[in-house]
C-alpha atoms as a PDB file:
ATOM      1  CA  MET A   1       0.000   0.000   0.000  1.00  0.00           C
ATOM      2  CA  ALA A   2       1.127   3.553  -0.669  1.00  0.00           C
ATOM      3  CA  SER A   3      -0.102   7.124  -0.487  1.00  0.00           C
ATOM      4  CA  PHE A   4      -0.917   8.949  -3.697  1.00  0.00           C
ATOM      5  CA  THR A   5      -1.256  12.518  -4.936  1.00  0.00           C
ATOM      6  CA  ASN A   6      -4.145  12.518  -7.392  1.00  0.00           C
ATOM      7  CA  PHE A   7      -7.282  10.538  -8.109  1.00  0.00           C
ATOM      8  CA  SER A   8      -7.473   9.143 -11.627  1.00  0.00           C
ATOM      9  CA  ASP A   9      -9.414  11.390 -14.011  1.00  0.00           C
ATOM     10  CA  THR A  10      -9.350   8.910 -16.927  1.00  0.00           C
ATOM     11  CA  LEU A  11     -12.071   6.353 -17.615  1.00  0.00           C
ATOM     12  CA  PRO A  12     -10.681   2.929 -16.566  1.00  0.00           C
ATOM     13  CA  ASN A  13      -9.655   0.759 -19.528  1.00  0.00           C
ATOM     14  CA  PRO A  14      -6.836  -1.694 -20.327  1.00  0.00           C
ATOM     15  CA  ASN A  15      -4.321   1.178 -20.556  1.00  0.00           C
ATOM     16  CA  ASN A  16      -5.646   3.046 -17.512  1.00  0.00           C
ATOM     17  CA  PRO A  17      -5.956   0.803 -14.442  1.00  0.00           C
ATOM     18  CA  ILE A  18      -7.599   2.032 -11.259  1.00  0.00           C
ATOM     19  CA  ALA A  19      -7.390   0.992  -7.607  1.00  0.00           C
ATOM     20  CA  TYR A  20     -10.179   0.822  -5.042  1.00  0.00           C
ATOM     21  CA  ASP A  21      -9.129   4.219  -3.696  1.00  0.00           C
ATOM     22  CA  GLY A  22      -9.623   5.861  -7.102  1.00  0.00           C
ATOM     23  CA  SER A  23      -5.934   6.283  -7.824  1.00  0.00           C
ATOM     24  CA  SER A  24      -3.807   4.766 -10.574  1.00  0.00           C
ATOM     25  CA  ASN A  25      -1.162   3.718  -8.041  1.00  0.00           C
ATOM     26  CA  SER A  26      -0.108   0.141  -8.810  1.00  0.00           C
ATOM     27  CA  ASN A  27       0.821  -0.463  -5.156  1.00  0.00           C
ATOM     28  CA  ASN A  28      -2.667   0.138  -3.840  1.00  0.00           C
ATOM     29  CA  ALA A  29      -5.441  -2.375  -3.147  1.00  0.00           C
ATOM     30  CA  GLY A  30      -7.638  -3.404  -6.029  1.00  0.00           C
ATOM     31  CA  TYR A  31      -5.353  -1.992  -8.717  1.00  0.00           C
ATOM     32  CA  ALA A  32      -6.577  -3.529 -11.983  1.00  0.00           C
ATOM     33  CA  GLU A  33      -7.211  -2.731 -15.607  1.00  0.00           C
ATOM     34  CA  GLY A  34     -10.594  -1.454 -16.651  1.00  0.00           C
ATOM     35  CA  PRO A  35     -12.476  -3.395 -19.343  1.00  0.00           C
ATOM     36  CA  GLY A  36     -12.019  -2.742 -23.045  1.00  0.00           C
ATOM     37  CA  TYR A  37     -14.800  -1.548 -25.314  1.00  0.00           C
ATOM     38  CA  ARG A  38     -16.883  -3.773 -27.557  1.00  0.00           C
ATOM     39  CA  GLN A  39     -17.786  -0.889 -29.822  1.00  0.00           C
ATOM     40  CA  VAL A  40     -16.994   2.819 -30.093  1.00  0.00           C
ATOM     41  CA  SER A  41     -19.011   5.243 -32.219  1.00  0.00           C
ATOM     42  CA  VAL A  42     -17.640   8.742 -32.806  1.00  0.00           C
ATOM     43  CA  ARG A  43     -19.471  11.693 -34.325  1.00  0.00           C
ATOM     44  CA  SER A  44     -18.095  15.109 -35.220  1.00  0.00           C
ATOM     45  CA  GLN A  45     -20.591  17.949 -35.325  1.00  0.00           C
ATOM     46  CA  PHE A  46     -19.924  21.215 -37.164  1.00  0.00           C
ATOM     47  CA  ARG A  47     -22.522  23.933 -36.694  1.00  0.00           C
ATOM     48  CA  THR A  48     -22.692  25.754 -40.021  1.00  0.00           C
ATOM     49  CA  ALA A  49     -24.960  28.542 -41.246  1.00  0.00           C
ATOM     50  CA  ARG A  50     -25.841  28.412 -44.974  1.00  0.00           C
ATOM     51  CA  ASP A  51     -27.487  31.074 -47.105  1.00  0.00           C
ATOM     52  CA  LYS A  52     -28.009  31.541 -50.835  1.00  0.00           C
ATOM     53  CA  THR A  53     -28.153  34.868 -52.612  1.00  0.00           C
ATOM     54  CA  ASN A  54     -30.856  35.666 -55.171  1.00  0.00           C
ATOM     55  CA  THR A  55     -28.409  34.589 -57.887  1.00  0.00           C
ATOM     56  CA  GLY A  56     -27.762  31.217 -56.249  1.00  0.00           C
ATOM     57  CA  VAL A  57     -24.367  31.981 -54.685  1.00  0.00           C
ATOM     58  CA  LEU A  58     -23.833  29.865 -51.564  1.00  0.00           C
ATOM     59  CA  VAL A  59     -22.581  31.711 -48.458  1.00  0.00           C
ATOM     60  CA  THR A  60     -21.428  29.609 -45.503  1.00  0.00           C
ATOM     61  CA  ARG A  61     -19.967  30.375 -42.097  1.00  0.00           C
ATOM     62  CA  ASN A  62     -19.349  28.697 -38.781  1.00  0.00           C
ATOM     63  CA  LYS A  63     -22.006  29.756 -36.312  1.00  0.00           C
ATOM     64  CA  ALA A  64     -20.780  27.852 -33.253  1.00  0.00           C
ATOM     65  CA  TYR A  65     -18.155  25.457 -31.947  1.00  0.00           C
ATOM     66  CA  GLN A  66     -17.328  21.940 -33.177  1.00  0.00           C
ATOM     67  CA  ASN A  67     -17.292  18.985 -30.835  1.00  0.00           C
ATOM     68  CA  PHE A  68     -17.128  15.204 -30.806  1.00  0.00           C
ATOM     69  CA  THR A  69     -19.596  12.811 -29.252  1.00  0.00           C
ATOM     70  CA  VAL A  70     -18.627   9.265 -28.321  1.00  0.00           C
ATOM     71  CA  ASP A  71     -20.831   6.224 -27.701  1.00  0.00           C
ATOM     72  CA  VAL A  72     -19.173   3.374 -25.821  1.00  0.00           C
ATOM     73  CA  THR A  73     -20.633  -0.140 -25.598  1.00  0.00           C
ATOM     74  CA  TYR A  74     -19.115  -2.933 -23.508  1.00  0.00           C
ATOM     75  CA  ASN A  75     -19.224  -6.689 -23.781  1.00  0.00           C
ATOM     76  CA  PRO A  76     -21.063  -8.293 -20.845  1.00  0.00           C
ATOM     77  CA  LEU A  77     -19.088  -7.412 -17.700  1.00  0.00           C
ATOM     78  CA  THR A  78     -18.287  -9.249 -14.511  1.00  0.00           C
ATOM     79  CA  GLU A  79     -19.195  -7.517 -11.263  1.00  0.00           C
ATOM     80  CA  ALA A  80     -15.595  -6.398 -10.673  1.00  0.00           C
ATOM     81  CA  GLU A  81     -15.212  -5.061 -14.225  1.00  0.00           C
ATOM     82  CA  PHE A  82     -18.521  -3.231 -14.064  1.00  0.00           C
ATOM     83  CA  ASN A  83     -17.932  -1.648 -10.677  1.00  0.00           C
ATOM     84  CA  SER A  84     -14.566  -0.230 -11.734  1.00  0.00           C
ATOM     85  CA  ILE A  85     -16.445   1.835 -14.347  1.00  0.00           C
ATOM     86  CA  TYR A  86     -19.664   2.408 -12.430  1.00  0.00           C
ATOM     87  CA  GLY A  87     -17.928   3.731  -9.334  1.00  0.00           C
ATOM     88  CA  PHE A  88     -15.809   6.052 -11.466  1.00  0.00           C
ATOM     89  CA  LEU A  89     -18.866   7.447 -13.287  1.00  0.00           C
ATOM     90  CA  MET A  90     -21.075   7.718 -10.201  1.00  0.00           C
ATOM     91  CA  GLU A  91     -18.430   9.907  -8.568  1.00  0.00           C
ATOM     92  CA  LYS A  92     -18.880  12.334 -11.489  1.00  0.00           C
ATOM     93  CA  GLN A  93     -22.536  12.837 -10.448  1.00  0.00           C
ATOM     94  CA  GLY A  94     -23.993  12.665 -13.917  1.00  0.00           C
ATOM     95  CA  GLN A  95     -22.915  15.648 -15.988  1.00  0.00           C
ATOM     96  CA  LEU A  96     -21.535  17.603 -13.024  1.00  0.00           C
ATOM     97  CA  LYS A  97     -17.856  16.668 -13.408  1.00  0.00           C
ATOM     98  CA  THR A  98     -15.661  16.182 -16.453  1.00  0.00           C
ATOM     99  CA  PHE A  99     -13.198  13.367 -17.086  1.00  0.00           C
ATOM    100  CA  PHE A 100     -10.989  12.050 -19.875  1.00  0.00           C
ATOM    101  CA  VAL A 101     -11.533   9.166 -22.264  1.00  0.00           C
ATOM    102  CA  PRO A 102      -8.911   7.652 -24.588  1.00  0.00           C
ATOM    103  CA  LEU A 103     -10.116   6.130 -27.843  1.00  0.00           C
ATOM    104  CA  PRO A 104      -8.410   2.811 -28.678  1.00  0.00           C
ATOM    105  CA  GLN A 105      -8.273   3.547 -32.418  1.00  0.00           C
ATOM    106  CA  HIS A 106      -5.995   6.506 -31.597  1.00  0.00           C
ATOM    107  CA  ASP A 107      -3.677   4.865 -29.065  1.00  0.00           C
ATOM    108  CA  ASP A 108      -0.919   4.972 -31.704  1.00  0.00           C
ATOM    109  CA  PRO A 109      -0.443   7.069 -34.841  1.00  0.00           C
ATOM    110  CA  GLN A 110      -1.325   5.262 -38.073  1.00  0.00           C
ATOM    111  CA  ASP A 111       2.257   5.241 -39.363  1.00  0.00           C
ATOM    112  CA  SER A 112       3.842   2.148 -37.794  1.00  0.00           C
ATOM    113  CA  THR A 113       7.349   3.554 -38.283  1.00  0.00           C
ATOM    114  CA  LEU A 114       6.499   6.624 -36.210  1.00  0.00           C
ATOM    115  CA  ALA A 115       4.552   4.554 -33.669  1.00  0.00           C
ATOM    116  CA  SER A 116       7.504   2.220 -33.015  1.00  0.00           C
ATOM    117  CA  HIS A 117      10.298   4.802 -33.217  1.00  0.00           C
ATOM    118  CA  SER A 118      12.639   4.771 -30.230  1.00  0.00           C
ATOM    119  CA  PRO A 119      13.184   7.171 -28.647  1.00  0.00           C
ATOM    120  CA  GLU A 120       9.696   8.479 -29.226  1.00  0.00           C
ATOM    121  CA  PRO A 121       9.755  11.810 -31.088  1.00  0.00           C
ATOM    122  CA  VAL A 122       8.615  14.723 -28.944  1.00  0.00           C
ATOM    123  CA  PHE A 123       6.885  17.172 -31.255  1.00  0.00           C
ATOM    124  CA  THR A 124       6.518  20.743 -30.042  1.00  0.00           C
ATOM    125  CA  VAL A 125       4.921  23.818 -31.585  1.00  0.00           C
ATOM    126  CA  LYS A 126       7.391  25.893 -33.543  1.00  0.00           C
ATOM    127  CA  SER A 127       8.125  29.484 -32.516  1.00  0.00           C
ATOM    128  CA  PRO A 128       6.512  31.994 -32.286  1.00  0.00           C
ATOM    129  CA  GLY A 129       3.308  30.023 -31.632  1.00  0.00           C
ATOM    130  CA  TYR A 130      -0.139  30.454 -33.206  1.00  0.00           C
ATOM    131  CA  SER A 131      -3.263  32.447 -32.513  1.00  0.00           C
ATOM    132  CA  ALA A 132      -6.757  31.045 -32.066  1.00  0.00           C
ATOM    133  CA  GLY A 133      -8.523  30.350 -35.359  1.00  0.00           C
ATOM    134  CA  LYS A 134      -5.512  28.894 -37.194  1.00  0.00           C
ATOM    135  CA  THR A 135      -5.990  25.583 -39.003  1.00  0.00           C
ATOM    136  CA  LYS A 136      -2.354  24.939 -39.935  1.00  0.00           C
ATOM    137  CA  ILE A 137       0.746  24.908 -37.735  1.00  0.00           C
ATOM    138  CA  THR A 138       4.339  23.688 -37.909  1.00  0.00           C
ATOM    139  CA  ILE A 139       5.639  21.266 -35.296  1.00  0.00           C
ATOM    140  CA  GLU A 140       9.188  20.076 -34.778  1.00  0.00           C
ATOM    141  CA  ASP A 141      11.502  17.703 -32.954  1.00  0.00           C
ATOM    142  CA  THR A 142      15.061  18.941 -33.351  1.00  0.00           C
ATOM    143  CA  THR A 143      16.534  16.091 -31.288  1.00  0.00           C
ATOM    144  CA  ASN A 144      15.307  12.686 -32.455  1.00  0.00           C
ATOM    145  CA  TYR A 145      13.244  13.123 -35.601  1.00  0.00           C
ATOM    146  CA  ASN A 146      13.763  13.040 -39.364  1.00  0.00           C
ATOM    147  CA  SER A 147      10.589  13.004 -41.477  1.00  0.00           C
ATOM    148  CA  SER A 148      12.298  11.148 -44.326  1.00  0.00           C
ATOM    149  CA  THR A 149      13.153   8.089 -42.212  1.00  0.00           C
ATOM    150  CA  ASP A 150      11.160   8.155 -38.975  1.00  0.00           C
ATOM    151  CA  GLY A 151       7.558   8.096 -40.166  1.00  0.00           C
ATOM    152  CA  GLN A 152       4.960  10.854 -40.094  1.00  0.00           C
ATOM    153  CA  LEU A 153       1.632  11.822 -38.665  1.00  0.00           C
ATOM    154  CA  ARG A 154      -1.192  11.184 -41.124  1.00  0.00           C
ATOM    155  CA  PRO A 155      -4.656  12.515 -41.935  1.00  0.00           C
ATOM    156  CA  GLY A 156      -7.099  10.976 -39.472  1.00  0.00           C
ATOM    157  CA  ASP A 157      -4.716  10.983 -36.497  1.00  0.00           C
ATOM    158  CA  LEU A 158      -6.121  12.637 -33.370  1.00  0.00           C
ATOM    159  CA  ILE A 159      -4.005  15.079 -31.359  1.00  0.00           C
ATOM    160  CA  THR A 160      -4.227  17.262 -28.282  1.00  0.00           C
ATOM    161  CA  PHE A 161      -1.813  19.829 -26.877  1.00  0.00           C
ATOM    162  CA  THR A 162      -0.123  20.335 -23.530  1.00  0.00           C
ATOM    163  CA  ASP A 163       0.541  24.059 -23.239  1.00  0.00           C
ATOM    164  CA  SER A 164       2.240  25.353 -20.099  1.00  0.00           C
ATOM    165  CA  SER A 165       0.803  28.801 -20.848  1.00  0.00           C
ATOM    166  CA  ASP A 166      -2.782  27.500 -20.879  1.00  0.00           C
ATOM    167  CA  SER A 167      -3.499  24.290 -19.000  1.00  0.00           C
ATOM    168  CA  ASN A 168      -7.170  24.499 -20.043  1.00  0.00           C
ATOM    169  CA  HIS A 169      -6.449  24.087 -23.773  1.00  0.00           C
ATOM    170  CA  LEU A 170      -7.707  20.499 -23.879  1.00  0.00           C
ATOM    171  CA  LYS A 171      -9.597  20.383 -27.188  1.00  0.00           C
ATOM    172  CA  ALA A 172      -9.052  17.350 -29.445  1.00  0.00           C
ATOM    173  CA  TYR A 173      -8.140  18.040 -33.085  1.00  0.00           C
ATOM    174  CA  GLN A 174      -8.281  15.751 -36.131  1.00  0.00           C
ATOM    175  CA  ILE A 175      -5.427  16.010 -38.624  1.00  0.00           C
ATOM    176  CA  THR A 176      -6.552  16.546 -42.241  1.00  0.00           C
ATOM    177  CA  ARG A 177      -3.251  17.206 -44.087  1.00  0.00           C
ATOM    178  CA  VAL A 178       0.450  16.668 -43.408  1.00  0.00           C
ATOM    179  CA  GLU A 179       3.235  18.457 -45.287  1.00  0.00           C
ATOM    180  CA  THR A 180       6.877  17.379 -45.040  1.00  0.00           C
ATOM    181  CA  SER A 181      10.247  18.483 -46.414  1.00  0.00           C
ATOM    182  CA  ALA A 182       9.516  16.235 -49.408  1.00  0.00           C
ATOM    183  CA  ASP A 183       5.893  17.231 -50.090  1.00  0.00           C
ATOM    184  CA  TYR A 184       4.798  20.774 -49.270  1.00  0.00           C
ATOM    185  CA  THR A 185       3.286  24.048 -50.409  1.00  0.00           C
ATOM    186  CA  GLY A 186       4.957  27.419 -49.860  1.00  0.00           C
ATOM    187  CA  THR A 187       7.985  27.402 -47.586  1.00  0.00           C
ATOM    188  CA  GLN A 188       9.724  24.031 -47.319  1.00  0.00           C
ATOM    189  CA  PRO A 189       9.558  22.477 -43.820  1.00  0.00           C
ATOM    190  CA  GLY A 190      12.832  21.231 -42.353  1.00  0.00           C
ATOM    191  CA  THR A 191      13.495  17.501 -42.124  1.00  0.00           C
ATOM    192  CA  ASP A 192      12.803  17.767 -38.390  1.00  0.00           C
ATOM    193  CA  GLU A 193       9.438  19.461 -38.990  1.00  0.00           C
ATOM    194  CA  LEU A 194       5.885  18.633 -40.042  1.00  0.00           C
ATOM    195  CA  ARG A 195       3.307  21.161 -41.178  1.00  0.00           C
ATOM    196  CA  ILE A 196      -0.081  19.851 -40.091  1.00  0.00           C
ATOM    197  CA  SER A 197      -3.584  21.022 -40.960  1.00  0.00           C
ATOM    198  CA  PHE A 198      -6.468  20.047 -38.689  1.00  0.00           C
ATOM    199  CA  VAL A 199     -10.074  20.650 -37.707  1.00  0.00           C
ATOM    200  CA  PRO A 200     -11.566  22.447 -35.973  1.00  0.00           C
ATOM    201  CA  PRO A 201      -9.584  25.718 -35.975  1.00  0.00           C
ATOM    202  CA  LEU A 202      -7.517  26.329 -32.853  1.00  0.00           C
ATOM    203  CA  GLN A 203      -9.908  27.098 -30.019  1.00  0.00           C
ATOM    204  CA  LYS A 204      -7.256  29.035 -28.096  1.00  0.00           C
ATOM    205  CA  ASP A 205      -3.880  30.641 -28.648  1.00  0.00           C
ATOM    206  CA  LEU A 206      -1.109  28.039 -28.802  1.00  0.00           C
ATOM    207  CA  SER A 207       2.284  28.846 -27.321  1.00  0.00           C
ATOM    208  CA  SER A 208       5.667  28.091 -28.831  1.00  0.00           C
ATOM    209  CA  GLY A 209       7.022  24.902 -27.297  1.00  0.00           C
ATOM    210  CA  ALA A 210       3.620  23.392 -26.476  1.00  0.00           C
ATOM    211  CA  THR A 211       3.765  19.587 -26.692  1.00  0.00           C
ATOM    212  CA  VAL A 212       1.761  17.673 -29.305  1.00  0.00           C
ATOM    213  CA  ASN A 213       0.102  14.571 -27.839  1.00  0.00           C
ATOM    214  CA  TYR A 214      -0.230  12.077 -30.679  1.00  0.00           C
ATOM    215  CA  LYS A 215       0.027   8.834 -28.662  1.00  0.00           C
ATOM    216  CA  VAL A 216      -3.011   7.986 -26.534  1.00  0.00           C
ATOM    217  CA  PRO A 217      -4.551  11.465 -26.794  1.00  0.00           C
ATOM    218  CA  LYS A 218      -7.341  11.897 -24.263  1.00  0.00           C
ATOM    219  CA  MET A 219     -10.633  13.643 -24.967  1.00  0.00           C
ATOM    220  CA  LYS A 220     -12.214  15.731 -22.220  1.00  0.00           C
ATOM    221  CA  VAL A 221     -15.855  14.668 -21.854  1.00  0.00           C
ATOM    222  CA  THR A 222     -18.926  14.472 -19.678  1.00  0.00           C
ATOM    223  CA  LEU A 223     -21.821  12.071 -19.750  1.00  0.00           C
ATOM    224  CA  ASN A 224     -24.499  13.500 -22.033  1.00  0.00           C
ATOM    225  CA  SER A 225     -27.224  12.615 -19.514  1.00  0.00           C
ATOM    226  CA  ASP A 226     -27.622  12.708 -15.750  1.00  0.00           C
ATOM    227  CA  GLU A 227     -28.874   9.109 -15.881  1.00  0.00           C
ATOM    228  CA  ILE A 228     -26.554   6.093 -15.634  1.00  0.00           C
ATOM    229  CA  ASN A 229     -28.388   2.880 -16.540  1.00  0.00           C
ATOM    230  CA  TYR A 230     -27.338  -0.769 -16.568  1.00  0.00           C
ATOM    231  CA  SER A 231     -28.957  -4.184 -16.599  1.00  0.00           C
ATOM    232  CA  LEU A 232     -28.007  -7.429 -14.873  1.00  0.00           C
ATOM    233  CA  ALA A 233     -28.646 -10.602 -16.885  1.00  0.00           C
ATOM    234  CA  THR A 234     -29.517 -14.055 -15.535  1.00  0.00           C
ATOM    235  CA  ASN A 235     -25.890 -15.100 -16.064  1.00  0.00           C
ATOM    236  CA  ASN A 236     -24.856 -12.455 -13.492  1.00  0.00           C
ATOM    237  CA  LEU A 237     -23.125 -10.379 -16.157  1.00  0.00           C
ATOM    238  CA  TYR A 238     -23.761  -6.655 -16.484  1.00  0.00           C
ATOM    239  CA  ASN A 239     -24.813  -4.961 -19.722  1.00  0.00           C
ATOM    240  CA  PHE A 240     -23.720  -1.356 -19.964  1.00  0.00           C
ATOM    241  CA  SER A 241     -23.184   1.429 -22.475  1.00  0.00           C
ATOM    242  CA  MET A 242     -22.809   5.189 -22.231  1.00  0.00           C
ATOM    243  CA  LYS A 243     -22.926   8.335 -24.337  1.00  0.00           C
ATOM    244  CA  LEU A 244     -20.232  10.962 -23.900  1.00  0.00           C
ATOM    245  CA  GLU A 245     -19.929  14.534 -25.122  1.00  0.00           C
ATOM    246  CA  GLU A 246     -16.653  16.416 -25.623  1.00  0.00           C
ATOM    247  CA  VAL A 247     -16.402  19.627 -23.593  1.00  0.00           C
ATOM    248  CA  ARG A 248     -13.834  22.388 -23.208  1.00  0.00           C
END
């Protein structure tokens, strides 16, 4: 047994064990993996206003924020598996408290060369940083990375940022384009750089040196309802699913 500093704020799953005390301390009683998902459904919602002029010209604009919603369904669960999740969610009191959920399809980047590279490249935002609203930024790793040999991020990869100047910048972004020193528009990126485009536009200013989280990025969510429902079958296994909504 051991003391700990923080309670776990990540939904228990095979990569995020939890102990009876709510910590992720492997020395504490009940420390065990959470169950994996049977199915994950992800939706991205853009709120767009559309108008047409009298001559048929289409005018579009964003009228509100973009966010993801996630539906998680589990295989039938044992009592211990179920209670590791149920206790975690009940502590959140419905939609009152936020938490983080990793999506298994984004545990690793798609490019196997990048995913297995050792040491793992540490991409940071290139100076001087970027203002809110940008959809393209340059990231770099001047120590361990060469885009011609070490793999690349790809469209479809999910990323988040860790910014020491704004610890609340927790939005998840989906990469849509990746430019390298070999394939690019405009100014050529260095071999230690990637120029990435993503959606939605940056929700906040992004500081130079902010870290890009491209392995096991975590989405900040709440339950989308104050109700938490489950059923217990005659085989003593629990059936459970939940709907989550990304929040800032």
